[in-house]
C-alpha atoms as a PDB file:
ATOM      1  CA  MET A   1      10.846  -8.725  12.702  1.00  0.00           C
ATOM      2  CA  SER A   2       9.942  -5.089  13.301  1.00  0.00           C
ATOM      3  CA  VAL A   3       9.204  -2.939  10.251  1.00  0.00           C
ATOM      4  CA  ASP A   4      10.478   0.619   9.829  1.00  0.00           C
ATOM      5  CA  ARG A   5       9.209   1.373   6.319  1.00  0.00           C
ATOM      6  CA  VAL A   6       7.115  -0.249   3.594  1.00  0.00           C
ATOM      7  CA  TRP A   7       7.465   0.732  -0.051  1.00  0.00           C
ATOM      8  CA  LYS A   8       4.748  -1.456  -1.516  1.00  0.00           C
ATOM      9  CA  GLY A   9       1.851  -3.458  -0.114  1.00  0.00           C
ATOM     10  CA  GLU A  10       0.702  -3.886   3.447  1.00  0.00           C
ATOM     11  CA  VAL A  11       2.764  -5.373   6.254  1.00  0.00           C
ATOM     12  CA  LEU A  12       1.381  -6.303   9.627  1.00  0.00           C
ATOM     13  CA  ALA A  13       3.670  -5.464  12.518  1.00  0.00           C
ATOM     14  CA  PRO A  14       5.569  -7.334  13.694  1.00  0.00           C
ATOM     15  CA  ALA A  15       6.207  -9.068  10.387  1.00  0.00           C
ATOM     16  CA  GLN A  16       6.647 -12.823  10.303  1.00  0.00           C
ATOM     17  CA  VAL A  17       9.404 -13.520   7.787  1.00  0.00           C
ATOM     18  CA  THR A  18       9.844 -17.045   6.454  1.00  0.00           C
ATOM     19  CA  VAL A  19      13.054 -17.798   4.596  1.00  0.00           C
ATOM     20  CA  SER A  20      12.961 -20.303   1.770  1.00  0.00           C
ATOM     21  CA  SER A  21      15.176 -23.264   2.482  1.00  0.00           C
ATOM     22  CA  GLY A  22      16.374 -23.496  -1.119  1.00  0.00           C
ATOM     23  CA  ILE A  23      19.842 -23.034  -2.522  1.00  0.00           C
ATOM     24  CA  TYR A  24      20.126 -19.361  -1.492  1.00  0.00           C
ATOM     25  CA  PRO A  25      18.595 -18.875   1.968  1.00  0.00           C
ATOM     26  CA  VAL A  26      19.007 -15.557   3.754  1.00  0.00           C
ATOM     27  CA  ARG A  27      20.907 -15.916   7.006  1.00  0.00           C
ATOM     28  CA  PHE A  28      19.400 -13.215   9.228  1.00  0.00           C
ATOM     29  CA  GLN A  29      21.503 -12.144  12.193  1.00  0.00           C
ATOM     30  CA  SER A  30      20.110 -10.534  15.313  1.00  0.00           C
ATOM     31  CA  GLY A  31      20.886  -6.832  15.690  1.00  0.00           C
ATOM     32  CA  ILE A  32      21.417  -6.195  11.962  1.00  0.00           C
ATOM     33  CA  ASP A  33      18.936  -4.161   9.891  1.00  0.00           C
ATOM     34  CA  TYR A  34      17.839  -5.611   6.553  1.00  0.00           C
ATOM     35  CA  LEU A  35      16.153  -4.473   3.370  1.00  0.00           C
ATOM     36  CA  VAL A  36      13.671  -7.306   2.809  1.00  0.00           C
ATOM     37  CA  TYR A  37      12.028  -8.069  -0.499  1.00  0.00           C
ATOM     38  CA  GLY A  38       9.260 -10.531   0.099  1.00  0.00           C
ATOM     39  CA  VAL A  39       5.980 -11.957  -1.049  1.00  0.00           C
ATOM     40  CA  ARG A  40       2.929 -12.248   1.149  1.00  0.00           C
ATOM     41  CA  VAL A  41       0.607 -15.100   0.281  1.00  0.00           C
ATOM     42  CA  ASP A  42      -3.113 -14.588   0.907  1.00  0.00           C
ATOM     43  CA  GLU A  43      -3.982 -12.351   3.842  1.00  0.00           C
ATOM     44  CA  THR A  44      -1.568 -13.917   6.329  1.00  0.00           C
ATOM     45  CA  PRO A  45       1.047 -11.834   8.146  1.00  0.00           C
ATOM     46  CA  ARG A  46       3.792 -14.176   6.880  1.00  0.00           C
ATOM     47  CA  ILE A  47       6.267 -12.819   4.293  1.00  0.00           C
ATOM     48  CA  TYR A  48       8.371 -15.221   2.220  1.00  0.00           C
ATOM     49  CA  THR A  49      11.864 -14.271   1.040  1.00  0.00           C
ATOM     50  CA  ASP A  50      15.219 -15.677  -0.054  1.00  0.00           C
ATOM     51  CA  ALA A  51      18.566 -14.301  -1.208  1.00  0.00           C
ATOM     52  CA  CYS A  52      17.414 -14.229  -4.862  1.00  0.00           C
ATOM     53  CA  THR A  53      14.821 -11.537  -4.082  1.00  0.00           C
ATOM     54  CA  GLY A  54      17.469  -8.951  -3.193  1.00  0.00           C
ATOM     55  CA  THR A  55      17.041  -9.215   0.572  1.00  0.00           C
ATOM     56  CA  ALA A  56      20.314  -8.101   2.141  1.00  0.00           C
ATOM     57  CA  PRO A  57      21.731  -6.256   5.155  1.00  0.00           C
ATOM     58  CA  LEU A  58      20.826  -2.572   5.079  1.00  0.00           C
ATOM     59  CA  ASP A  59      24.464  -1.437   5.029  1.00  0.00           C
ATOM     60  CA  GLU A  60      24.865  -3.333   1.714  1.00  0.00           C
ATOM     61  CA  SER A  61      21.646  -1.920   0.226  1.00  0.00           C
ATOM     62  CA  ALA A  62      22.316   1.803  -0.189  1.00  0.00           C
ATOM     63  CA  ASP A  63      21.897   1.705  -3.994  1.00  0.00           C
ATOM     64  CA  MET A  64      18.619  -0.209  -3.765  1.00  0.00           C
ATOM     65  CA  LEU A  65      17.282   2.147  -1.078  1.00  0.00           C
ATOM     66  CA  ALA A  66      18.066   5.143  -3.283  1.00  0.00           C
ATOM     67  CA  HIS A  67      16.341   3.422  -6.220  1.00  0.00           C
ATOM     68  CA  LEU A  68      13.233   2.653  -4.146  1.00  0.00           C
ATOM     69  CA  ASP A  69      13.047   6.229  -2.855  1.00  0.00           C
ATOM     70  CA  ARG A  70      13.237   7.574  -6.434  1.00  0.00           C
ATOM     71  CA  THR A  71      10.845   5.183  -8.141  1.00  0.00           C
ATOM     72  CA  VAL A  72       8.179   4.036  -5.685  1.00  0.00           C
ATOM     73  CA  PRO A  73       5.502   6.693  -5.109  1.00  0.00           C
ATOM     74  CA  LYS A  74       4.962   7.638  -1.514  1.00  0.00           C
ATOM     75  CA  ARG A  75       1.504   7.162  -0.067  1.00  0.00           C
ATOM     76  CA  GLN A  76      -0.277  10.458   0.174  1.00  0.00           C
ATOM     77  CA  PRO A  77      -3.583  10.040   1.993  1.00  0.00           C
ATOM     78  CA  TRP A  78      -4.534  13.683   1.433  1.00  0.00           C
ATOM     79  CA  VAL A  79      -4.853  12.948  -2.300  1.00  0.00           C
ATOM     80  CA  ALA A  80      -7.497  10.282  -1.631  1.00  0.00           C
ATOM     81  CA  VAL A  81      -9.340  12.627   0.742  1.00  0.00           C
ATOM     82  CA  GLY A  82      -9.276  15.400  -1.880  1.00  0.00           C
ATOM     83  CA  ILE A  83     -10.638  13.106  -4.579  1.00  0.00           C
ATOM     84  CA  ALA A  84     -13.411  11.890  -2.255  1.00  0.00           C
ATOM     85  CA  LEU A  85     -14.412  15.493  -1.431  1.00  0.00           C
ATOM     86  CA  LEU A  86     -14.492  16.410  -5.131  1.00  0.00           C
ATOM     87  CA  LEU A  87     -16.709  13.410  -5.892  1.00  0.00           C
ATOM     88  CA  ILE A  88     -19.098  14.286  -3.062  1.00  0.00           C
ATOM     89  CA  GLY A  89     -19.234  17.907  -4.212  1.00  0.00           C
ATOM     90  CA  GLY A  90     -19.894  16.880  -7.819  1.00  0.00           C
ATOM     91  CA  ILE A  91     -22.685  14.505  -6.815  1.00  0.00           C
ATOM     92  CA  THR A  92     -24.258  17.228  -4.671  1.00  0.00           C
ATOM     93  CA  VAL A  93     -24.184  19.715  -7.562  1.00  0.00           C
ATOM     94  CA  VAL A  94     -25.765  17.187  -9.916  1.00  0.00           C
ATOM     95  CA  ILE A  95     -28.536  16.277  -7.468  1.00  0.00           C
ATOM     96  CA  ARG A  96     -29.369  19.883  -6.569  1.00  0.00           C
ATOM     97  CA  GLY A  97     -29.153  21.048 -10.179  1.00  0.00           C
ATOM     98  CA  ARG A  98     -31.714  18.589 -11.537  1.00  0.00           C
ATOM     99  CA  PRO A  99     -35.104  20.133 -12.288  1.00  0.00           C
ATOM    100  CA  ARG A 100     -37.878  19.094  -9.923  1.00  0.00           C
ATOM    101  CA  ALA A 101     -40.825  17.158 -11.278  1.00  0.00           C
ATOM    102  CA  ILE A 102     -43.852  19.409 -11.690  1.00  0.00           C
ATOM    103  CA  ARG A 103     -47.232  17.756 -11.644  1.00  0.00           C
ATOM    104  CA  VAL A 104     -49.400  18.892 -14.523  1.00  0.00           C
ATOM    105  CA  GLY A 105     -53.085  18.073 -14.660  1.00  0.00           C
ATOM    106  CA  PRO A 106     -56.443  19.024 -13.295  1.00  0.00           C
ATOM    107  CA  PRO A 107     -56.509  20.280  -9.703  1.00  0.00           C
ATOM    108  CA  GLY A 108     -56.980  17.631  -7.097  1.00  0.00           C
ATOM    109  CA  SER A 109     -55.679  14.810  -9.245  1.00  0.00           C
END
């Protein structure tokens, strides 16, 4: 399955979606876009889902898409870069601002 957008977590492309074979399996159809709620176990590319998770065709998921867009924060890499630069700058100021050790004692010691 190709992935257009991820709201939470990491998804390897193309995603490998496994449907639970329980009472409410999702019946994916080729050529239809879906909003998939899933769980990834360990660090495998496989995502597990079923109809109870909310996975549904995209044309039936407009309300959920609007909810996700309102409530899930978007990733903003520039924030992490800004924080890293501030930390580096603060460490530099602390290191340069420390007084140097001055040796006191008789000459030549």
